[in-house]
PDB file of N, CA and C in Angstrom:
ATOM      1  N   MET A   1      15.500  -7.722  -8.763  1.00  0.00           N
ATOM      2  CA  MET A   1      14.824  -6.967  -7.729  1.00  0.00           C
ATOM      3  C   MET A   1      14.498  -7.918  -6.580  1.00  0.00           C
ATOM      4  N   THR A   2      14.808  -7.495  -5.389  1.00  0.00           N
ATOM      5  CA  THR A   2      14.527  -8.330  -4.231  1.00  0.00           C
ATOM      6  C   THR A   2      13.060  -8.201  -3.834  1.00  0.00           C
ATOM      7  N   GLU A   3      12.618  -9.110  -2.993  1.00  0.00           N
ATOM      8  CA  GLU A   3      11.234  -9.053  -2.520  1.00  0.00           C
ATOM      9  C   GLU A   3      11.000  -7.772  -1.721  1.00  0.00           C
ATOM     10  N   LYS A   4      11.986  -7.361  -0.933  1.00  0.00           N
ATOM     11  CA  LYS A   4      11.850  -6.129  -0.160  1.00  0.00           C
ATOM     12  C   LYS A   4      11.684  -4.919  -1.073  1.00  0.00           C
ATOM     13  N   GLU A   5      12.480  -4.838  -2.123  1.00  0.00           N
ATOM     14  CA  GLU A   5      12.365  -3.721  -3.067  1.00  0.00           C
ATOM     15  C   GLU A   5      10.998  -3.724  -3.751  1.00  0.00           C
ATOM     16  N   LEU A   6      10.553  -4.897  -4.132  1.00  0.00           N
ATOM     17  CA  LEU A   6       9.241  -5.019  -4.764  1.00  0.00           C
ATOM     18  C   LEU A   6       8.132  -4.585  -3.815  1.00  0.00           C
ATOM     19  N   LEU A   7       8.199  -5.017  -2.566  1.00  0.00           N
ATOM     20  CA  LEU A   7       7.189  -4.634  -1.579  1.00  0.00           C
ATOM     21  C   LEU A   7       7.172  -3.122  -1.375  1.00  0.00           C
ATOM     22  N   ARG A   8       8.356  -2.519  -1.256  1.00  0.00           N
ATOM     23  CA  ARG A   8       8.413  -1.064  -1.083  1.00  0.00           C
ATOM     24  C   ARG A   8       7.791  -0.341  -2.276  1.00  0.00           C
ATOM     25  N   MET A   9       8.067  -0.810  -3.466  1.00  0.00           N
ATOM     26  CA  MET A   9       7.513  -0.192  -4.667  1.00  0.00           C
ATOM     27  C   MET A   9       5.986  -0.356  -4.703  1.00  0.00           C
ATOM     28  N   GLN A  10       5.498  -1.526  -4.328  1.00  0.00           N
ATOM     29  CA  GLN A  10       4.051  -1.744  -4.323  1.00  0.00           C
ATOM     30  C   GLN A  10       3.374  -0.876  -3.266  1.00  0.00           C
ATOM     31  N   ILE A  11       3.991  -0.744  -2.115  1.00  0.00           N
ATOM     32  CA  ILE A  11       3.428   0.105  -1.061  1.00  0.00           C
ATOM     33  C   ILE A  11       3.306   1.538  -1.563  1.00  0.00           C
ATOM     34  N   ARG A  12       4.379   2.061  -2.149  1.00  0.00           N
ATOM     35  CA  ARG A  12       4.334   3.433  -2.673  1.00  0.00           C
ATOM     36  C   ARG A  12       3.245   3.588  -3.735  1.00  0.00           C
ATOM     37  N   SER A  13       3.131   2.600  -4.614  1.00  0.00           N
ATOM     38  CA  SER A  13       2.135   2.677  -5.689  1.00  0.00           C
ATOM     39  C   SER A  13       0.719   2.681  -5.138  1.00  0.00           C
ATOM     40  N   TYR A  14       0.424   1.755  -4.229  1.00  0.00           N
ATOM     41  CA  TYR A  14      -0.930   1.693  -3.679  1.00  0.00           C
ATOM     42  C   TYR A  14      -1.267   2.939  -2.872  1.00  0.00           C
ATOM     43  N   GLU A  15      -0.313   3.466  -2.112  1.00  0.00           N
ATOM     44  CA  GLU A  15      -0.560   4.696  -1.363  1.00  0.00           C
ATOM     45  C   GLU A  15      -0.807   5.865  -2.325  1.00  0.00           C
ATOM     46  N   PHE A  16      -0.023   5.943  -3.387  1.00  0.00           N
ATOM     47  CA  PHE A  16      -0.200   7.014  -4.371  1.00  0.00           C
ATOM     48  C   PHE A  16      -1.602   6.957  -4.975  1.00  0.00           C
ATOM     49  N   TYR A  17      -2.021   5.787  -5.422  1.00  0.00           N
ATOM     50  CA  TYR A  17      -3.336   5.676  -6.053  1.00  0.00           C
ATOM     51  C   TYR A  17      -4.466   5.889  -5.058  1.00  0.00           C
ATOM     52  N   ALA A  18      -4.292   5.443  -3.823  1.00  0.00           N
ATOM     53  CA  ALA A  18      -5.320   5.684  -2.810  1.00  0.00           C
ATOM     54  C   ALA A  18      -5.478   7.184  -2.574  1.00  0.00           C
ATOM     55  N   ASP A  19      -4.356   7.893  -2.454  1.00  0.00           N
ATOM     56  CA  ASP A  19      -4.417   9.348  -2.285  1.00  0.00           C
ATOM     57  C   ASP A  19      -5.069  10.019  -3.481  1.00  0.00           C
ATOM     58  N   LEU A  20      -4.689   9.597  -4.665  1.00  0.00           N
ATOM     59  CA  LEU A  20      -5.242  10.168  -5.890  1.00  0.00           C
ATOM     60  C   LEU A  20      -6.758   9.972  -5.955  1.00  0.00           C
ATOM     61  N   ILE A  21      -7.214   8.774  -5.655  1.00  0.00           N
ATOM     62  CA  ILE A  21      -8.647   8.470  -5.679  1.00  0.00           C
ATOM     63  C   ILE A  21      -9.388   9.303  -4.643  1.00  0.00           C
ATOM     64  N   GLU A  22      -8.815   9.381  -3.433  1.00  0.00           N
ATOM     65  CA  GLU A  22      -9.476  10.159  -2.391  1.00  0.00           C
ATOM     66  C   GLU A  22      -9.584  11.636  -2.764  1.00  0.00           C
ATOM     67  N   ARG A  23      -8.529  12.189  -3.357  1.00  0.00           N
ATOM     68  CA  ARG A  23      -8.581  13.593  -3.777  1.00  0.00           C
ATOM     69  C   ARG A  23      -9.601  13.795  -4.894  1.00  0.00           C
ATOM     70  N   ALA A  24      -9.673  12.847  -5.805  1.00  0.00           N
ATOM     71  CA  ALA A  24     -10.603  12.968  -6.933  1.00  0.00           C
ATOM     72  C   ALA A  24     -12.053  12.878  -6.481  1.00  0.00           C
ATOM     73  N   SER A  25     -12.311  12.125  -5.423  1.00  0.00           N
ATOM     74  CA  SER A  25     -13.699  11.929  -5.003  1.00  0.00           C
ATOM     75  C   SER A  25     -14.152  12.965  -3.979  1.00  0.00           C
ATOM     76  N   ARG A  26     -13.251  13.808  -3.492  1.00  0.00           N
ATOM     77  CA  ARG A  26     -13.636  14.866  -2.540  1.00  0.00           C
ATOM     78  C   ARG A  26     -14.275  16.034  -3.261  1.00  0.00           C
ATOM     79  N   GLY A  27     -15.312  16.550  -2.652  1.00  0.00           N
ATOM     80  CA  GLY A  27     -15.895  17.789  -3.143  1.00  0.00           C
ATOM     81  C   GLY A  27     -16.817  17.652  -4.341  1.00  0.00           C
ATOM     82  N   THR A  28     -16.778  16.537  -5.043  1.00  0.00           N
ATOM     83  CA  THR A  28     -17.617  16.426  -6.231  1.00  0.00           C
ATOM     84  C   THR A  28     -19.010  15.937  -5.888  1.00  0.00           C
ATOM     85  N   GLY A  29     -19.116  15.110  -4.857  1.00  0.00           N
ATOM     86  CA  GLY A  29     -20.407  14.537  -4.532  1.00  0.00           C
ATOM     87  C   GLY A  29     -20.788  13.396  -5.444  1.00  0.00           C
ATOM     88  N   ASP A  30     -20.071  13.263  -6.525  1.00  0.00           N
ATOM     89  CA  ASP A  30     -20.337  12.175  -7.475  1.00  0.00           C
ATOM     90  C   ASP A  30     -19.368  11.037  -7.214  1.00  0.00           C
ATOM     91  N   GLU A  31     -19.909   9.848  -7.143  1.00  0.00           N
ATOM     92  CA  GLU A  31     -19.061   8.675  -6.995  1.00  0.00           C
ATOM     93  C   GLU A  31     -18.606   8.234  -8.373  1.00  0.00           C
ATOM     94  N   LEU A  32     -17.329   8.082  -8.513  1.00  0.00           N
ATOM     95  CA  LEU A  32     -16.809   7.552  -9.766  1.00  0.00           C
ATOM     96  C   LEU A  32     -17.083   6.051  -9.776  1.00  0.00           C
ATOM     97  N   PRO A  33     -17.607   5.505 -10.840  1.00  0.00           N
ATOM     98  CA  PRO A  33     -18.055   4.118 -10.821  1.00  0.00           C
ATOM     99  C   PRO A  33     -16.979   3.099 -10.447  1.00  0.00           C
ATOM    100  N   ARG A  34     -15.771   3.264 -10.925  1.00  0.00           N
ATOM    101  CA  ARG A  34     -14.730   2.283 -10.624  1.00  0.00           C
ATOM    102  C   ARG A  34     -13.735   2.786  -9.601  1.00  0.00           C
ATOM    103  N   TRP A  35     -13.708   4.079  -9.361  1.00  0.00           N
ATOM    104  CA  TRP A  35     -12.708   4.663  -8.488  1.00  0.00           C
ATOM    105  C   TRP A  35     -13.407   5.452  -7.387  1.00  0.00           C
ATOM    106  N   ASN A  36     -13.817   4.767  -6.371  1.00  0.00           N
ATOM    107  CA  ASN A  36     -14.504   5.424  -5.270  1.00  0.00           C
ATOM    108  C   ASN A  36     -13.711   5.226  -3.982  1.00  0.00           C
ATOM    109  N   THR A  37     -14.264   5.708  -2.902  1.00  0.00           N
ATOM    110  CA  THR A  37     -13.552   5.619  -1.632  1.00  0.00           C
ATOM    111  C   THR A  37     -13.350   4.175  -1.186  1.00  0.00           C
ATOM    112  N   GLU A  38     -14.209   3.274  -1.618  1.00  0.00           N
ATOM    113  CA  GLU A  38     -14.007   1.857  -1.293  1.00  0.00           C
ATOM    114  C   GLU A  38     -12.737   1.328  -1.949  1.00  0.00           C
ATOM    115  N   LYS A  39     -12.502   1.745  -3.179  1.00  0.00           N
ATOM    116  CA  LYS A  39     -11.286   1.326  -3.886  1.00  0.00           C
ATOM    117  C   LYS A  39     -10.062   1.900  -3.186  1.00  0.00           C
ATOM    118  N   ALA A  40     -10.139   3.142  -2.750  1.00  0.00           N
ATOM    119  CA  ALA A  40      -9.020   3.759  -2.028  1.00  0.00           C
ATOM    120  C   ALA A  40      -8.746   2.986  -0.734  1.00  0.00           C
ATOM    121  N   ALA A  41      -9.802   2.622  -0.020  1.00  0.00           N
ATOM    122  CA  ALA A  41      -9.635   1.852   1.215  1.00  0.00           C
ATOM    123  C   ALA A  41      -9.023   0.479   0.922  1.00  0.00           C
ATOM    124  N   GLN A  42      -9.442  -0.133  -0.156  1.00  0.00           N
ATOM    125  CA  GLN A  42      -8.874  -1.428  -0.555  1.00  0.00           C
ATOM    126  C   GLN A  42      -7.376  -1.284  -0.825  1.00  0.00           C
ATOM    127  N   TYR A  43      -6.986  -0.224  -1.525  1.00  0.00           N
ATOM    128  CA  TYR A  43      -5.567   0.005  -1.807  1.00  0.00           C
ATOM    129  C   TYR A  43      -4.787   0.236  -0.514  1.00  0.00           C
ATOM    130  N   ARG A  44      -5.377   0.952   0.419  1.00  0.00           N
ATOM    131  CA  ARG A  44      -4.707   1.177   1.703  1.00  0.00           C
ATOM    132  C   ARG A  44      -4.527  -0.145   2.460  1.00  0.00           C
ATOM    133  N   ARG A  45      -5.533  -1.018   2.405  1.00  0.00           N
ATOM    134  CA  ARG A  45      -5.406  -2.331   3.062  1.00  0.00           C
ATOM    135  C   ARG A  45      -4.297  -3.150   2.416  1.00  0.00           C
ATOM    136  N   LEU A  46      -4.228  -3.134   1.093  1.00  0.00           N
ATOM    137  CA  LEU A  46      -3.166  -3.856   0.402  1.00  0.00           C
ATOM    138  C   LEU A  46      -1.797  -3.306   0.782  1.00  0.00           C
ATOM    139  N   ALA A  47      -1.667  -1.993   0.840  1.00  0.00           N
ATOM    140  CA  ALA A  47      -0.402  -1.382   1.235  1.00  0.00           C
ATOM    141  C   ALA A  47      -0.031  -1.810   2.652  1.00  0.00           C
ATOM    142  N   GLU A  48      -1.015  -1.882   3.539  1.00  0.00           N
ATOM    143  CA  GLU A  48      -0.748  -2.303   4.921  1.00  0.00           C
ATOM    144  C   GLU A  48      -0.307  -3.774   4.975  1.00  0.00           C
ATOM    145  N   GLU A  49      -0.921  -4.622   4.173  1.00  0.00           N
ATOM    146  CA  GLU A  49      -0.493  -6.024   4.115  1.00  0.00           C
ATOM    147  C   GLU A  49       0.953  -6.124   3.641  1.00  0.00           C
ATOM    148  N   TYR A  50       1.305  -5.329   2.645  1.00  0.00           N
ATOM    149  CA  TYR A  50       2.687  -5.320   2.148  1.00  0.00           C
ATOM    150  C   TYR A  50       3.644  -4.789   3.209  1.00  0.00           C
ATOM    151  N   ARG A  51       3.210  -3.797   3.983  1.00  0.00           N
ATOM    152  CA  ARG A  51       4.059  -3.285   5.071  1.00  0.00           C
ATOM    153  C   ARG A  51       4.324  -4.371   6.108  1.00  0.00           C
ATOM    154  N   ARG A  52       3.280  -5.135   6.441  1.00  0.00           N
ATOM    155  CA  ARG A  52       3.456  -6.232   7.406  1.00  0.00           C
ATOM    156  C   ARG A  52       4.432  -7.275   6.878  1.00  0.00           C
ATOM    157  N   ARG A  53       4.302  -7.633   5.615  1.00  0.00           N
ATOM    158  CA  ARG A  53       5.216  -8.611   5.010  1.00  0.00           C
ATOM    159  C   ARG A  53       6.642  -8.083   5.004  1.00  0.00           C
ATOM    160  N   LEU A  54       6.814  -6.811   4.661  1.00  0.00           N
ATOM    161  CA  LEU A  54       8.131  -6.192   4.665  1.00  0.00           C
ATOM    162  C   LEU A  54       8.722  -6.221   6.073  1.00  0.00           C
ATOM    163  N   ALA A  55       7.913  -5.923   7.079  1.00  0.00           N
ATOM    164  CA  ALA A  55       8.378  -5.954   8.468  1.00  0.00           C
ATOM    165  C   ALA A  55       8.802  -7.373   8.862  1.00  0.00           C
ATOM    166  N   GLU A  56       8.053  -8.385   8.411  1.00  0.00           N
ATOM    167  CA  GLU A  56       8.419  -9.775   8.697  1.00  0.00           C
ATOM    168  C   GLU A  56       9.776 -10.117   8.096  1.00  0.00           C
ATOM    169  N   ILE A  57       9.992  -9.699   6.862  1.00  0.00           N
ATOM    170  CA  ILE A  57      11.266  -9.972   6.185  1.00  0.00           C
ATOM    171  C   ILE A  57      12.413  -9.291   6.921  1.00  0.00           C
ATOM    172  N   GLU A  58      12.205  -8.025   7.275  1.00  0.00           N
ATOM    173  CA  GLU A  58      13.262  -7.283   7.962  1.00  0.00           C
ATOM    174  C   GLU A  58      13.547  -7.874   9.336  1.00  0.00           C
ATOM    175  N   ALA A  59      12.523  -8.324  10.043  1.00  0.00           N
ATOM    176  CA  ALA A  59      12.722  -8.950  11.355  1.00  0.00           C
ATOM    177  C   ALA A  59      13.503 -10.255  11.211  1.00  0.00           C
ATOM    178  N   ALA A  60      13.171 -11.037  10.190  1.00  0.00           N
ATOM    179  CA  ALA A  60      13.883 -12.291   9.951  1.00  0.00           C
ATOM    180  C   ALA A  60      15.349 -12.013   9.607  1.00  0.00           C
ATOM    181  N   GLU A  61      15.595 -10.971   8.830  1.00  0.00           N
ATOM    182  CA  GLU A  61      16.971 -10.617   8.481  1.00  0.00           C
ATOM    183  C   GLU A  61      17.763 -10.187   9.716  1.00  0.00           C
ATOM    184  N   LYS A  62      17.120  -9.418  10.613  1.00  0.00           N
ATOM    185  CA  LYS A  62      17.791  -9.000  11.836  1.00  0.00           C
ATOM    186  C   LYS A  62      18.110 -10.197  12.725  1.00  0.00           C
ATOM    187  N   GLN A  63      17.176 -11.142  12.778  1.00  0.00           N
ATOM    188  CA  GLN A  63      17.385 -12.320  13.601  1.00  0.00           C
ATOM    189  C   GLN A  63      18.554 -13.138  13.067  1.00  0.00           C
ATOM    190  N   VAL A  64      18.655 -13.264  11.767  1.00  0.00           N
ATOM    191  CA  VAL A  64      19.776 -13.990  11.163  1.00  0.00           C
ATOM    192  C   VAL A  64      21.086 -13.263  11.428  1.00  0.00           C
ATOM    193  N   ALA A  65      21.047 -11.937  11.337  1.00  0.00           N
ATOM    194  CA  ALA A  65      22.264 -11.134  11.531  1.00  0.00           C
ATOM    195  C   ALA A  65      22.771 -11.217  12.966  1.00  0.00           C
ATOM    196  N   THR A  66      21.882 -11.361  13.929  1.00  0.00           N
ATOM    197  CA  THR A  66      22.290 -11.415  15.334  1.00  0.00           C
ATOM    198  C   THR A  66      22.605 -12.817  15.798  1.00  0.00           C
ATOM    199  N   SER A  67      22.321 -13.795  14.970  1.00  0.00           N
ATOM    200  CA  SER A  67      22.574 -15.198  15.350  1.00  0.00           C
ATOM    201  C   SER A  67      24.011 -15.570  15.144  1.00  0.00           C
TER     202      SER A  67
END
Protein backbone atom coordinates (compact mmCIF):
# COMPACT_ATOMS: atom_id res chain seq x y z
CA MET A 1 0.00 0.00 0.00
CA THR A 2 1.38 3.38 -0.93
CA GLU A 3 1.43 6.35 1.40
CA LYS A 4 -1.21 8.05 -0.76
CA GLU A 5 -3.55 5.05 -0.49
CA LEU A 6 -3.01 4.91 3.26
CA LEU A 7 -3.73 8.63 3.64
CA ARG A 8 -6.93 8.34 1.60
CA MET A 9 -8.09 5.42 3.73
CA GLN A 10 -7.31 7.28 6.96
CA ILE A 11 -9.15 10.38 5.74
CA ARG A 12 -12.25 8.33 4.93
CA SER A 13 -12.09 6.57 8.30
CA TYR A 14 -11.72 9.74 10.36
CA GLU A 15 -14.50 11.50 8.42
CA PHE A 16 -16.78 8.48 8.89
CA TYR A 17 -16.21 8.35 12.65
CA ALA A 18 -16.54 12.12 13.02
CA ASP A 19 -19.90 11.99 11.24
CA LEU A 20 -21.00 9.02 13.32
CA ILE A 21 -20.07 10.75 16.59
CA GLU A 22 -21.79 13.97 15.57
CA ARG A 23 -24.99 12.12 14.65
CA ALA A 24 -24.92 10.15 17.90
CA SER A 25 -24.51 13.27 20.03
CA ARG A 26 -27.29 15.29 18.31
CA GLY A 27 -30.65 15.50 19.95
CA THR A 28 -29.79 13.52 23.06
CA GLY A 29 -28.49 16.35 25.20
CA ASP A 30 -26.27 13.80 26.87
CA GLU A 31 -22.56 13.92 26.28
CA LEU A 32 -21.07 10.53 25.70
CA PRO A 33 -18.03 10.32 27.97
CA ARG A 34 -15.51 9.21 25.34
CA TRP A 35 -17.32 10.15 22.15
CA ASN A 36 -18.35 13.77 22.21
CA THR A 37 -18.21 16.65 19.79
CA GLU A 38 -14.63 17.38 20.84
CA LYS A 39 -13.61 13.93 19.65
CA ALA A 40 -15.43 14.50 16.36
CA ALA A 41 -13.60 17.82 15.92
CA GLN A 42 -10.29 16.10 16.69
CA TYR A 43 -11.02 13.49 14.01
CA ARG A 44 -11.86 16.23 11.52
CA ARG A 45 -8.54 17.98 12.29
CA LEU A 46 -6.66 14.72 11.76
CA ALA A 47 -8.45 14.16 8.46
CA GLU A 48 -7.50 17.70 7.39
CA GLU A 49 -3.84 17.10 8.29
CA TYR A 50 -3.91 13.94 6.17
CA ARG A 51 -5.50 15.88 3.30
CA ARG A 52 -2.68 18.43 3.46
CA ARG A 53 -0.05 15.67 3.42
CA LEU A 54 -1.80 13.98 0.49
CA ALA A 55 -1.85 17.31 -1.39
CA GLU A 56 1.90 17.74 -0.72
CA ILE A 57 2.62 14.28 -2.12
CA GLU A 58 0.49 14.88 -5.20
CA ALA A 59 2.11 18.29 -5.81
CA ALA A 60 5.57 16.74 -5.54
CA GLU A 61 4.56 14.00 -7.99
CA LYS A 62 3.27 16.60 -10.47
CA GLN A 63 6.48 18.57 -10.16
CA VAL A 64 8.54 15.46 -10.89
CA ALA A 65 6.31 14.57 -13.84
CA THR A 66 6.71 18.02 -15.41
CA SER A 67 10.47 18.16 -14.88
